[in-house]
Amino acid sequence: LLLCLDDSLKHIPWENIPTLHAIVSTSVCRIPCLEFAALRVLEYSQYKQAQPHHSLLKYYFIINPKGDLKKTESRFERLLNEEWNGMKNQIPSMSEFRDGLQDNDVFLYVGHNGGEEFANCHKLQTFSVRAITFLMGCSSGLLRKKGAFESNGIANYYM
């Protein structure tokens, strides 16, 4: 479990809370930012490439589909190498979005929100999401409380 915490939450020792360890069967660690996690994925791919007996992972990205996040686009472009396939400055069709999630091992979305303009919650439920998904949009991890029901958000539908 990777924790990317806001400043107001960093003082809490999340890694040492017994209840969290009871729920999560893997280790818990903090990361300074999501770019850090993306770099670890790239390093892992280089490691896998150096190991010829392992099959290579497939990477897919959708960056700045509306074309209005130029600074963000340039930050993420430098993280991608020739192993990554995908699109930038292009609005994906629903089938391109679906195929990115179903046919790849890692999926990176960098745009507004969580990509719900291209595949809403109902459509995402019908996909067989195989990829480890990185949603890098404002409010992509936001969970909303609706009455007596548990909080929910677009990120839940990628799992």
N, C-alpha and C. Protein backbone atom coordinates (compact mmCIF):
# COMPACT_ATOMS: atom_id res chain seq x y z
N LEU A 1 0.85 -1.17 0.00
CA LEU A 1 0.00 0.00 0.00
C LEU A 1 0.89 1.22 0.00
N LEU A 2 0.69 2.11 -0.95
CA LEU A 2 1.44 3.35 -1.03
C LEU A 2 0.58 4.49 -0.52
N LEU A 3 1.14 5.31 0.35
CA LEU A 3 0.44 6.46 0.89
C LEU A 3 1.09 7.74 0.38
N CYS A 4 0.34 8.56 -0.30
CA CYS A 4 0.79 9.88 -0.73
C CYS A 4 -0.07 10.87 0.06
N LEU A 5 0.49 11.37 1.15
CA LEU A 5 -0.30 12.11 2.13
C LEU A 5 -0.19 13.61 1.97
N ASP A 6 -1.28 14.28 2.28
CA ASP A 6 -1.33 15.73 2.33
C ASP A 6 -0.57 16.18 3.58
N ASP A 7 -0.11 17.41 3.56
CA ASP A 7 0.65 17.94 4.70
C ASP A 7 -0.12 17.82 6.01
N SER A 8 -1.41 17.99 5.97
CA SER A 8 -2.19 17.93 7.21
C SER A 8 -2.29 16.51 7.77
N LEU A 9 -1.93 15.50 6.99
CA LEU A 9 -2.00 14.10 7.45
C LEU A 9 -0.64 13.46 7.67
N LYS A 10 0.43 14.14 7.29
CA LYS A 10 1.76 13.53 7.36
C LYS A 10 2.23 13.25 8.77
N HIS A 11 1.69 13.94 9.74
CA HIS A 11 2.14 13.75 11.12
C HIS A 11 1.58 12.48 11.77
N ILE A 12 0.60 11.85 11.15
CA ILE A 12 0.00 10.63 11.70
C ILE A 12 0.84 9.43 11.26
N PRO A 13 1.23 8.57 12.18
CA PRO A 13 2.07 7.40 11.83
C PRO A 13 1.25 6.27 11.20
N TRP A 14 0.75 6.49 10.01
CA TRP A 14 -0.13 5.52 9.34
C TRP A 14 0.49 4.13 9.24
N GLU A 15 1.79 4.08 8.99
CA GLU A 15 2.47 2.80 8.79
C GLU A 15 2.45 1.93 10.05
N ASN A 16 2.25 2.54 11.21
CA ASN A 16 2.30 1.79 12.47
C ASN A 16 0.94 1.56 13.11
N ILE A 17 -0.12 1.88 12.40
CA ILE A 17 -1.46 1.67 12.96
C ILE A 17 -1.84 0.20 12.79
N PRO A 18 -2.03 -0.52 13.90
CA PRO A 18 -2.32 -1.96 13.82
C PRO A 18 -3.56 -2.28 12.99
N THR A 19 -4.57 -1.46 13.06
CA THR A 19 -5.80 -1.71 12.30
C THR A 19 -5.53 -1.71 10.80
N LEU A 20 -4.67 -0.81 10.35
CA LEU A 20 -4.33 -0.76 8.93
C LEU A 20 -3.62 -2.05 8.51
N HIS A 21 -2.72 -2.54 9.33
CA HIS A 21 -2.02 -3.78 9.02
C HIS A 21 -2.95 -4.98 9.04
N ALA A 22 -4.00 -4.91 9.83
CA ALA A 22 -4.97 -6.01 9.87
C ALA A 22 -5.78 -6.06 8.58
N ILE A 23 -5.99 -4.91 7.96
CA ILE A 23 -6.77 -4.83 6.73
C ILE A 23 -5.92 -5.13 5.50
N VAL A 24 -4.69 -4.59 5.48
CA VAL A 24 -3.80 -4.71 4.33
C VAL A 24 -2.78 -5.82 4.60
N SER A 25 -2.72 -6.78 3.71
CA SER A 25 -1.82 -7.91 3.92
C SER A 25 -0.40 -7.64 3.41
N THR A 26 -0.20 -6.51 2.73
CA THR A 26 1.12 -6.16 2.23
C THR A 26 1.71 -5.04 3.07
N SER A 27 2.91 -4.62 2.75
CA SER A 27 3.55 -3.55 3.50
C SER A 27 2.90 -2.20 3.17
N VAL A 28 3.10 -1.26 4.07
CA VAL A 28 2.55 0.08 3.92
C VAL A 28 3.72 1.05 3.89
N CYS A 29 3.76 1.92 2.90
CA CYS A 29 4.84 2.90 2.86
C CYS A 29 4.33 4.21 2.27
N ARG A 30 5.05 5.27 2.54
CA ARG A 30 4.72 6.60 2.04
C ARG A 30 5.53 6.89 0.79
N ILE A 31 4.93 7.68 -0.07
CA ILE A 31 5.68 8.20 -1.22
C ILE A 31 5.52 9.72 -1.20
N PRO A 32 6.54 10.43 -1.63
CA PRO A 32 6.46 11.89 -1.57
C PRO A 32 5.49 12.49 -2.58
N CYS A 33 5.35 11.84 -3.73
CA CYS A 33 4.43 12.33 -4.77
C CYS A 33 4.15 11.19 -5.74
N LEU A 34 3.17 11.36 -6.58
CA LEU A 34 2.81 10.30 -7.51
C LEU A 34 3.84 10.15 -8.63
N GLU A 35 4.56 11.22 -8.93
CA GLU A 35 5.63 11.14 -9.92
C GLU A 35 6.69 10.13 -9.45
N PHE A 36 6.94 10.11 -8.15
CA PHE A 36 7.86 9.16 -7.55
C PHE A 36 7.41 7.73 -7.87
N ALA A 37 6.14 7.45 -7.68
CA ALA A 37 5.61 6.11 -7.96
C ALA A 37 5.76 5.77 -9.44
N ALA A 38 5.50 6.74 -10.31
CA ALA A 38 5.63 6.51 -11.75
C ALA A 38 7.08 6.17 -12.11
N LEU A 39 8.02 6.84 -11.48
CA LEU A 39 9.43 6.55 -11.74
C LEU A 39 9.80 5.14 -11.28
N ARG A 40 9.21 4.69 -10.16
CA ARG A 40 9.48 3.33 -9.70
C ARG A 40 8.96 2.32 -10.72
N VAL A 41 7.83 2.61 -11.34
CA VAL A 41 7.29 1.71 -12.36
C VAL A 41 8.25 1.64 -13.54
N LEU A 42 8.80 2.79 -13.94
CA LEU A 42 9.76 2.80 -15.04
C LEU A 42 11.02 2.01 -14.68
N GLU A 43 11.49 2.17 -13.47
CA GLU A 43 12.67 1.43 -13.03
C GLU A 43 12.39 -0.07 -13.04
N TYR A 44 11.20 -0.43 -12.62
CA TYR A 44 10.84 -1.84 -12.63
C TYR A 44 10.82 -2.39 -14.05
N SER A 45 10.34 -1.58 -14.99
CA SER A 45 10.30 -2.03 -16.39
C SER A 45 11.71 -2.23 -16.92
N GLN A 46 12.64 -1.36 -16.53
CA GLN A 46 14.03 -1.53 -16.95
C GLN A 46 14.63 -2.80 -16.35
N TYR A 47 14.26 -3.07 -15.11
CA TYR A 47 14.70 -4.30 -14.46
C TYR A 47 14.16 -5.51 -15.21
N LYS A 48 12.87 -5.47 -15.54
CA LYS A 48 12.25 -6.58 -16.25
C LYS A 48 12.90 -6.78 -17.61
N GLN A 49 13.28 -5.68 -18.25
CA GLN A 49 13.91 -5.77 -19.57
C GLN A 49 15.28 -6.44 -19.46
N ALA A 50 15.96 -6.21 -18.37
CA ALA A 50 17.27 -6.83 -18.15
C ALA A 50 17.16 -8.32 -17.83
N GLN A 51 15.97 -8.77 -17.50
CA GLN A 51 15.73 -10.18 -17.18
C GLN A 51 15.03 -10.83 -18.38
N PRO A 52 15.78 -11.41 -19.31
CA PRO A 52 15.17 -11.92 -20.55
C PRO A 52 14.16 -13.04 -20.36
N HIS A 53 14.22 -13.77 -19.27
CA HIS A 53 13.28 -14.88 -19.08
C HIS A 53 11.91 -14.41 -18.57
N HIS A 54 11.77 -13.15 -18.24
CA HIS A 54 10.49 -12.61 -17.82
C HIS A 54 9.80 -11.94 -19.01
N SER A 55 8.50 -12.01 -19.05
CA SER A 55 7.80 -11.29 -20.11
C SER A 55 7.75 -9.81 -19.76
N LEU A 56 7.84 -8.97 -20.76
CA LEU A 56 7.84 -7.52 -20.55
C LEU A 56 6.42 -7.03 -20.28
N LEU A 57 6.35 -6.02 -19.46
CA LEU A 57 5.06 -5.40 -19.17
C LEU A 57 4.65 -4.50 -20.32
N LYS A 58 3.37 -4.30 -20.46
CA LYS A 58 2.84 -3.39 -21.48
C LYS A 58 2.32 -2.13 -20.78
N TYR A 59 2.73 -0.97 -21.28
CA TYR A 59 2.39 0.32 -20.69
C TYR A 59 1.56 1.14 -21.67
N TYR A 60 0.59 1.85 -21.13
CA TYR A 60 -0.28 2.69 -21.97
C TYR A 60 -0.55 4.00 -21.25
N PHE A 61 -0.56 5.08 -22.00
CA PHE A 61 -0.83 6.39 -21.41
C PHE A 61 -1.86 7.16 -22.21
N ILE A 62 -2.59 7.99 -21.51
CA ILE A 62 -3.42 9.03 -22.10
C ILE A 62 -3.04 10.30 -21.35
N ILE A 63 -2.38 11.20 -22.06
CA ILE A 63 -1.88 12.43 -21.43
C ILE A 63 -2.53 13.63 -22.09
N ASN A 64 -3.07 14.50 -21.26
CA ASN A 64 -3.63 15.78 -21.69
C ASN A 64 -4.58 15.63 -22.88
N PRO A 65 -5.62 14.83 -22.74
CA PRO A 65 -6.50 14.58 -23.88
C PRO A 65 -7.17 15.83 -24.44
N LYS A 66 -7.43 16.82 -23.61
CA LYS A 66 -8.07 18.05 -24.10
C LYS A 66 -7.06 19.07 -24.61
N GLY A 67 -5.77 18.84 -24.35
CA GLY A 67 -4.74 19.73 -24.87
C GLY A 67 -4.55 21.02 -24.09
N ASP A 68 -5.11 21.13 -22.89
CA ASP A 68 -5.03 22.39 -22.16
C ASP A 68 -4.17 22.32 -20.90
N LEU A 69 -3.42 21.24 -20.73
CA LEU A 69 -2.56 21.09 -19.55
C LEU A 69 -1.10 20.94 -20.02
N LYS A 70 -0.58 21.95 -20.67
CA LYS A 70 0.74 21.88 -21.31
C LYS A 70 1.87 21.64 -20.32
N LYS A 71 1.86 22.33 -19.16
CA LYS A 71 2.94 22.13 -18.18
C LYS A 71 2.91 20.71 -17.62
N THR A 72 1.73 20.23 -17.31
CA THR A 72 1.58 18.87 -16.78
C THR A 72 2.04 17.87 -17.83
N GLU A 73 1.65 18.12 -19.06
CA GLU A 73 2.05 17.23 -20.16
C GLU A 73 3.57 17.14 -20.26
N SER A 74 4.25 18.27 -20.19
CA SER A 74 5.71 18.25 -20.32
C SER A 74 6.37 17.52 -19.15
N ARG A 75 5.80 17.64 -17.95
CA ARG A 75 6.35 16.92 -16.79
C ARG A 75 6.27 15.41 -16.98
N PHE A 76 5.16 14.94 -17.49
CA PHE A 76 4.98 13.50 -17.63
C PHE A 76 5.63 12.94 -18.88
N GLU A 77 5.75 13.73 -19.92
CA GLU A 77 6.39 13.26 -21.14
C GLU A 77 7.80 12.77 -20.88
N ARG A 78 8.51 13.46 -20.00
CA ARG A 78 9.90 13.08 -19.75
C ARG A 78 10.01 11.75 -18.99
N LEU A 79 8.93 11.27 -18.42
CA LEU A 79 8.95 9.99 -17.73
C LEU A 79 8.74 8.81 -18.66
N LEU A 80 8.23 9.08 -19.84
CA LEU A 80 7.88 8.00 -20.76
C LEU A 80 9.05 7.67 -21.67
N ASN A 81 9.22 6.39 -21.95
CA ASN A 81 10.24 5.97 -22.89
C ASN A 81 9.57 5.18 -24.01
N GLU A 82 10.39 4.53 -24.83
CA GLU A 82 9.86 3.82 -26.00
C GLU A 82 8.98 2.63 -25.64
N GLU A 83 8.99 2.20 -24.39
CA GLU A 83 8.14 1.08 -23.98
C GLU A 83 6.67 1.48 -23.86
N TRP A 84 6.42 2.77 -23.73
CA TRP A 84 5.05 3.26 -23.52
C TRP A 84 4.36 3.49 -24.86
N ASN A 85 3.13 3.06 -24.94
CA ASN A 85 2.26 3.36 -26.08
C ASN A 85 1.12 4.20 -25.55
N GLY A 86 0.49 4.97 -26.42
CA GLY A 86 -0.65 5.74 -25.98
C GLY A 86 -0.88 6.96 -26.82
N MET A 87 -1.51 7.95 -26.20
CA MET A 87 -1.89 9.16 -26.93
C MET A 87 -1.79 10.38 -26.04
N LYS A 88 -1.50 11.50 -26.68
CA LYS A 88 -1.51 12.78 -25.98
C LYS A 88 -2.16 13.81 -26.88
N ASN A 89 -2.78 14.80 -26.26
CA ASN A 89 -3.48 15.86 -26.99
C ASN A 89 -4.53 15.31 -27.94
N GLN A 90 -5.12 14.19 -27.57
CA GLN A 90 -6.13 13.54 -28.38
C GLN A 90 -7.22 13.01 -27.46
N ILE A 91 -8.45 13.25 -27.79
CA ILE A 91 -9.54 12.72 -26.99
C ILE A 91 -9.74 11.25 -27.38
N PRO A 92 -9.61 10.35 -26.40
CA PRO A 92 -9.74 8.92 -26.72
C PRO A 92 -11.20 8.53 -26.92
N SER A 93 -11.41 7.57 -27.79
CA SER A 93 -12.74 6.99 -27.90
C SER A 93 -12.93 6.08 -26.69
N MET A 94 -14.15 5.68 -26.44
CA MET A 94 -14.39 4.79 -25.32
C MET A 94 -13.64 3.47 -25.51
N SER A 95 -13.58 2.98 -26.73
CA SER A 95 -12.88 1.71 -26.97
C SER A 95 -11.38 1.87 -26.76
N GLU A 96 -10.79 3.00 -27.11
CA GLU A 96 -9.36 3.22 -26.85
C GLU A 96 -9.09 3.28 -25.35
N PHE A 97 -9.99 3.94 -24.62
CA PHE A 97 -9.85 4.02 -23.17
C PHE A 97 -9.96 2.61 -22.57
N ARG A 98 -10.98 1.87 -22.99
CA ARG A 98 -11.19 0.51 -22.50
C ARG A 98 -10.00 -0.39 -22.81
N ASP A 99 -9.52 -0.34 -24.05
CA ASP A 99 -8.39 -1.19 -24.45
C ASP A 99 -7.14 -0.85 -23.65
N GLY A 100 -6.96 0.43 -23.34
CA GLY A 100 -5.82 0.83 -22.52
C GLY A 100 -5.84 0.17 -21.16
N LEU A 101 -7.02 0.03 -20.59
CA LEU A 101 -7.18 -0.59 -19.27
C LEU A 101 -7.16 -2.11 -19.32
N GLN A 102 -7.69 -2.68 -20.37
CA GLN A 102 -7.84 -4.14 -20.44
C GLN A 102 -6.64 -4.85 -21.05
N ASP A 103 -5.93 -4.19 -21.95
CA ASP A 103 -4.89 -4.87 -22.71
C ASP A 103 -3.48 -4.57 -22.24
N ASN A 104 -3.33 -3.82 -21.15
CA ASN A 104 -2.01 -3.40 -20.69
C ASN A 104 -1.83 -3.72 -19.22
N ASP A 105 -0.57 -3.68 -18.79
CA ASP A 105 -0.24 -3.95 -17.40
C ASP A 105 -0.26 -2.69 -16.55
N VAL A 106 0.09 -1.56 -17.18
CA VAL A 106 0.11 -0.27 -16.49
C VAL A 106 -0.62 0.74 -17.37
N PHE A 107 -1.50 1.52 -16.74
CA PHE A 107 -2.29 2.54 -17.44
C PHE A 107 -2.10 3.87 -16.71
N LEU A 108 -1.66 4.89 -17.43
CA LEU A 108 -1.45 6.22 -16.86
C LEU A 108 -2.41 7.19 -17.52
N TYR A 109 -3.25 7.82 -16.71
CA TYR A 109 -4.16 8.86 -17.20
C TYR A 109 -3.75 10.18 -16.57
N VAL A 110 -3.42 11.16 -17.41
CA VAL A 110 -3.08 12.49 -16.95
C VAL A 110 -3.99 13.46 -17.69
N GLY A 111 -5.00 13.94 -16.99
CA GLY A 111 -5.97 14.86 -17.58
C GLY A 111 -6.88 15.37 -16.50
N HIS A 112 -8.02 15.87 -16.89
CA HIS A 112 -8.96 16.40 -15.92
C HIS A 112 -9.71 15.25 -15.23
N ASN A 113 -9.87 15.38 -13.93
CA ASN A 113 -10.60 14.42 -13.11
C ASN A 113 -10.03 13.01 -13.29
N GLY A 114 -10.90 12.02 -13.34
CA GLY A 114 -10.46 10.64 -13.43
C GLY A 114 -10.78 9.97 -14.75
N GLY A 115 -10.97 10.76 -15.78
CA GLY A 115 -11.26 10.20 -17.10
C GLY A 115 -12.72 9.86 -17.32
N GLU A 116 -13.59 10.31 -16.41
CA GLU A 116 -15.00 9.94 -16.53
C GLU A 116 -15.69 10.56 -17.75
N GLU A 117 -15.08 11.55 -18.37
CA GLU A 117 -15.63 12.09 -19.63
C GLU A 117 -15.56 11.05 -20.74
N PHE A 118 -14.59 10.15 -20.65
CA PHE A 118 -14.34 9.19 -21.71
C PHE A 118 -14.91 7.81 -21.38
N ALA A 119 -15.00 7.51 -20.11
CA ALA A 119 -15.60 6.24 -19.67
C ALA A 119 -16.20 6.49 -18.29
N ASN A 120 -17.51 6.60 -18.22
CA ASN A 120 -18.15 6.89 -16.93
C ASN A 120 -18.18 5.66 -16.03
N CYS A 121 -18.64 5.85 -14.82
CA CYS A 121 -18.64 4.78 -13.82
C CYS A 121 -19.36 3.53 -14.31
N HIS A 122 -20.48 3.70 -14.98
CA HIS A 122 -21.26 2.56 -15.45
C HIS A 122 -20.49 1.77 -16.50
N LYS A 123 -19.80 2.46 -17.39
CA LYS A 123 -19.00 1.78 -18.41
C LYS A 123 -17.79 1.11 -17.78
N LEU A 124 -17.13 1.80 -16.84
CA LEU A 124 -15.96 1.22 -16.18
C LEU A 124 -16.30 -0.10 -15.50
N GLN A 125 -17.51 -0.21 -14.96
CA GLN A 125 -17.94 -1.44 -14.30
C GLN A 125 -18.00 -2.61 -15.28
N THR A 126 -18.20 -2.34 -16.55
CA THR A 126 -18.29 -3.41 -17.54
C THR A 126 -16.92 -3.83 -18.08
N PHE A 127 -15.88 -3.03 -17.81
CA PHE A 127 -14.54 -3.34 -18.30
C PHE A 127 -13.87 -4.38 -17.41
N SER A 128 -12.99 -5.16 -18.00
CA SER A 128 -12.14 -6.08 -17.24
C SER A 128 -10.79 -5.39 -17.07
N VAL A 129 -10.71 -4.52 -16.08
CA VAL A 129 -9.50 -3.72 -15.89
C VAL A 129 -8.37 -4.63 -15.42
N ARG A 130 -7.33 -4.72 -16.23
CA ARG A 130 -6.17 -5.53 -15.91
C ARG A 130 -5.01 -4.67 -15.40
N ALA A 131 -4.95 -3.45 -15.88
CA ALA A 131 -3.79 -2.59 -15.65
C ALA A 131 -3.76 -2.00 -14.24
N ILE A 132 -2.55 -1.86 -13.73
CA ILE A 132 -2.33 -1.01 -12.56
C ILE A 132 -2.58 0.40 -13.06
N THR A 133 -3.49 1.11 -12.45
CA THR A 133 -3.95 2.38 -12.99
C THR A 133 -3.47 3.55 -12.15
N PHE A 134 -2.86 4.51 -12.81
CA PHE A 134 -2.46 5.76 -12.18
C PHE A 134 -3.36 6.86 -12.73
N LEU A 135 -4.20 7.42 -11.87
CA LEU A 135 -5.08 8.52 -12.25
C LEU A 135 -4.45 9.81 -11.74
N MET A 136 -4.05 10.68 -12.65
CA MET A 136 -3.34 11.89 -12.28
C MET A 136 -4.16 13.12 -12.66
N GLY A 137 -5.40 13.15 -12.24
CA GLY A 137 -6.25 14.30 -12.50
C GLY A 137 -6.76 14.87 -11.20
N CYS A 138 -7.05 16.15 -11.20
CA CYS A 138 -7.60 16.78 -10.00
C CYS A 138 -8.89 16.05 -9.61
N SER A 139 -9.02 15.76 -8.38
CA SER A 139 -10.20 15.09 -7.81
C SER A 139 -10.38 13.65 -8.27
N SER A 140 -9.38 13.06 -8.91
CA SER A 140 -9.53 11.67 -9.36
C SER A 140 -9.64 10.69 -8.20
N GLY A 141 -9.10 11.06 -7.06
CA GLY A 141 -9.20 10.19 -5.88
C GLY A 141 -10.25 10.63 -4.89
N LEU A 142 -11.02 11.64 -5.25
CA LEU A 142 -12.04 12.18 -4.35
C LEU A 142 -13.18 11.19 -4.15
N LEU A 143 -13.49 10.93 -2.91
CA LEU A 143 -14.63 10.09 -2.57
C LEU A 143 -15.71 10.98 -1.97
N ARG A 144 -16.93 10.83 -2.45
CA ARG A 144 -18.04 11.66 -1.98
C ARG A 144 -19.00 10.82 -1.13
N LYS A 145 -19.46 11.42 -0.08
CA LYS A 145 -20.45 10.78 0.80
C LYS A 145 -21.84 11.10 0.26
N LYS A 146 -22.64 10.07 0.09
CA LYS A 146 -24.00 10.26 -0.41
C LYS A 146 -24.98 9.68 0.60
N GLY A 147 -25.48 10.52 1.47
CA GLY A 147 -26.43 10.09 2.48
C GLY A 147 -25.84 9.07 3.43
N ALA A 148 -26.56 7.99 3.66
CA ALA A 148 -26.12 6.95 4.59
C ALA A 148 -25.16 5.96 3.94
N PHE A 149 -24.92 6.11 2.63
CA PHE A 149 -24.07 5.16 1.92
C PHE A 149 -22.60 5.50 2.09
N GLU A 150 -21.75 4.50 1.83
CA GLU A 150 -20.31 4.72 1.92
C GLU A 150 -19.86 5.71 0.85
N SER A 151 -18.76 6.37 1.14
CA SER A 151 -18.20 7.30 0.16
C SER A 151 -17.79 6.54 -1.09
N ASN A 152 -17.90 7.21 -2.20
CA ASN A 152 -17.59 6.57 -3.48
C ASN A 152 -17.02 7.61 -4.43
N GLY A 153 -16.26 7.17 -5.39
CA GLY A 153 -15.69 8.05 -6.39
C GLY A 153 -15.22 7.26 -7.60
N ILE A 154 -14.78 7.97 -8.62
CA ILE A 154 -14.38 7.34 -9.88
C ILE A 154 -13.26 6.32 -9.67
N ALA A 155 -12.35 6.59 -8.74
CA ALA A 155 -11.22 5.68 -8.52
C ALA A 155 -11.69 4.28 -8.13
N ASN A 156 -12.80 4.18 -7.44
CA ASN A 156 -13.31 2.87 -7.03
C ASN A 156 -13.63 1.97 -8.23
N TYR A 157 -14.00 2.57 -9.34
CA TYR A 157 -14.42 1.79 -10.51
C TYR A 157 -13.25 1.26 -11.34
N TYR A 158 -12.05 1.71 -11.04
CA TYR A 158 -10.86 1.20 -11.72
C TYR A 158 -10.31 -0.04 -11.02
N MET A 159 -10.80 -0.33 -9.84
CA MET A 159 -10.26 -1.46 -9.08
C MET A 159 -11.01 -2.74 -9.38
